[in-house]
Amino acid sequence: MPQLSDFFGIIVRLNWKDVDQHNKPHVHAFYGEFEAAVSLDGELLAGEFPAKQLKQLRKWLAVFDVEVQEAWDKAVEGEQFLKIDGLGKK
């Protein structure tokens, strides 16, 4: 699962061609022992995530909404996407 970004200890990844299980554009987020699938609009789809880190992830998704959507579109087609620096640089 290729990494899209990392910030504040949160690792964000996308699966290639990942459209079957959740049917909604989403990222896979990891923080310590926690793992969750979160839609691009911030909905927790599966798993568990600490409240503070989920809030940070939702804010990140809102700030980088265009870039994350572009990465999702490429990933579902099996294409390479650009990594997003969690601090705002691409």
Protein backbone atom coordinates (compact mmCIF):
# COMPACT_ATOMS: atom_id res chain seq x y z
CA MET A 1 0.00 0.00 0.00
CA PRO A 2 1.85 3.14 -1.19
CA GLN A 3 2.26 6.04 1.19
CA LEU A 4 0.56 9.32 0.32
CA SER A 5 1.70 11.41 3.29
CA ASP A 6 2.85 11.45 6.89
CA PHE A 7 2.45 14.14 9.52
CA PHE A 8 2.32 14.29 13.33
CA GLY A 9 2.92 10.53 13.47
CA ILE A 10 -0.03 9.80 11.16
CA ILE A 11 0.77 7.78 8.03
CA VAL A 12 -1.69 8.06 5.14
CA ARG A 13 -1.74 5.41 2.43
CA LEU A 14 -3.79 4.54 -0.64
CA ASN A 15 -4.42 1.10 -2.10
CA TRP A 16 -4.21 0.48 -5.82
CA LYS A 17 -7.67 -0.10 -7.38
CA ASP A 18 -9.31 0.07 -3.91
CA VAL A 19 -13.00 0.54 -4.77
CA ASP A 20 -14.73 -2.67 -3.69
CA GLN A 21 -14.76 -2.73 0.10
CA HIS A 22 -15.93 0.79 1.01
CA ASN A 23 -17.32 2.10 -2.32
CA LYS A 24 -16.30 5.62 -1.37
CA PRO A 25 -13.05 7.47 -2.04
CA HIS A 26 -10.95 7.00 1.09
CA VAL A 27 -7.50 6.81 2.62
CA HIS A 28 -6.04 4.30 5.02
CA ALA A 29 -4.57 6.00 8.07
CA PHE A 30 -2.18 4.56 10.64
CA TYR A 31 -1.18 5.94 14.02
CA GLY A 32 0.72 3.65 16.38
CA GLU A 33 -1.39 0.52 16.75
CA PHE A 34 -4.48 2.24 15.31
CA GLU A 35 -5.66 1.81 11.73
CA ALA A 36 -8.70 3.25 9.99
CA ALA A 37 -10.25 3.80 6.59
CA VAL A 38 -11.48 7.41 6.34
CA SER A 39 -13.41 8.83 3.40
CA LEU A 40 -12.08 11.91 1.67
CA ASP A 41 -14.89 13.89 3.31
CA GLY A 42 -13.71 12.75 6.77
CA GLU A 43 -16.17 9.95 7.56
CA LEU A 44 -14.71 7.08 9.58
CA LEU A 45 -15.55 4.05 7.42
CA ALA A 46 -13.75 1.27 9.28
CA GLY A 47 -11.32 0.73 12.12
CA GLU A 48 -10.45 2.90 15.09
CA PHE A 49 -8.46 6.11 15.44
CA PRO A 50 -7.76 8.39 18.42
CA ALA A 51 -10.03 11.46 18.45
CA LYS A 52 -7.18 14.00 18.35
CA GLN A 53 -5.47 12.32 15.39
CA LEU A 54 -8.77 11.83 13.56
CA LYS A 55 -9.38 15.57 13.91
CA GLN A 56 -5.89 16.27 12.51
CA LEU A 57 -6.50 13.85 9.64
CA ARG A 58 -9.86 15.47 8.81
CA LYS A 59 -8.23 18.91 8.78
CA TRP A 60 -5.45 17.60 6.52
CA LEU A 61 -8.04 16.05 4.16
CA ALA A 62 -9.85 19.41 3.96
CA VAL A 63 -6.65 21.38 3.27
CA PHE A 64 -5.42 18.96 0.60
CA ASP A 65 -8.81 17.95 -0.81
CA VAL A 66 -7.87 18.54 -4.46
CA GLU A 67 -4.50 16.79 -4.18
CA VAL A 68 -5.94 13.82 -2.30
CA GLN A 69 -8.77 13.42 -4.84
CA GLU A 70 -6.22 13.49 -7.69
CA ALA A 71 -4.13 10.86 -5.90
CA TRP A 72 -7.24 8.71 -5.32
CA ASP A 73 -8.22 8.96 -8.99
CA LYS A 74 -4.75 7.81 -10.05
CA ALA A 75 -4.58 5.02 -7.46
CA VAL A 76 -7.89 3.46 -8.50
CA GLU A 77 -6.55 3.32 -12.05
CA GLY A 78 -3.35 1.69 -10.80
CA GLU A 79 -1.26 4.76 -11.67
CA GLN A 80 1.52 6.33 -9.62
CA PHE A 81 0.46 9.40 -7.61
CA LEU A 82 2.43 12.25 -6.09
CA LYS A 83 3.22 12.13 -2.38
CA ILE A 84 1.88 15.05 -0.36
CA ASP A 85 4.17 16.53 2.28
CA GLY A 86 2.07 16.75 5.45
CA LEU A 87 3.48 20.21 6.14
CA GLY A 88 2.09 21.67 2.94
CA LYS A 89 4.74 20.97 0.30
CA LYS A 90 4.12 18.64 -2.61
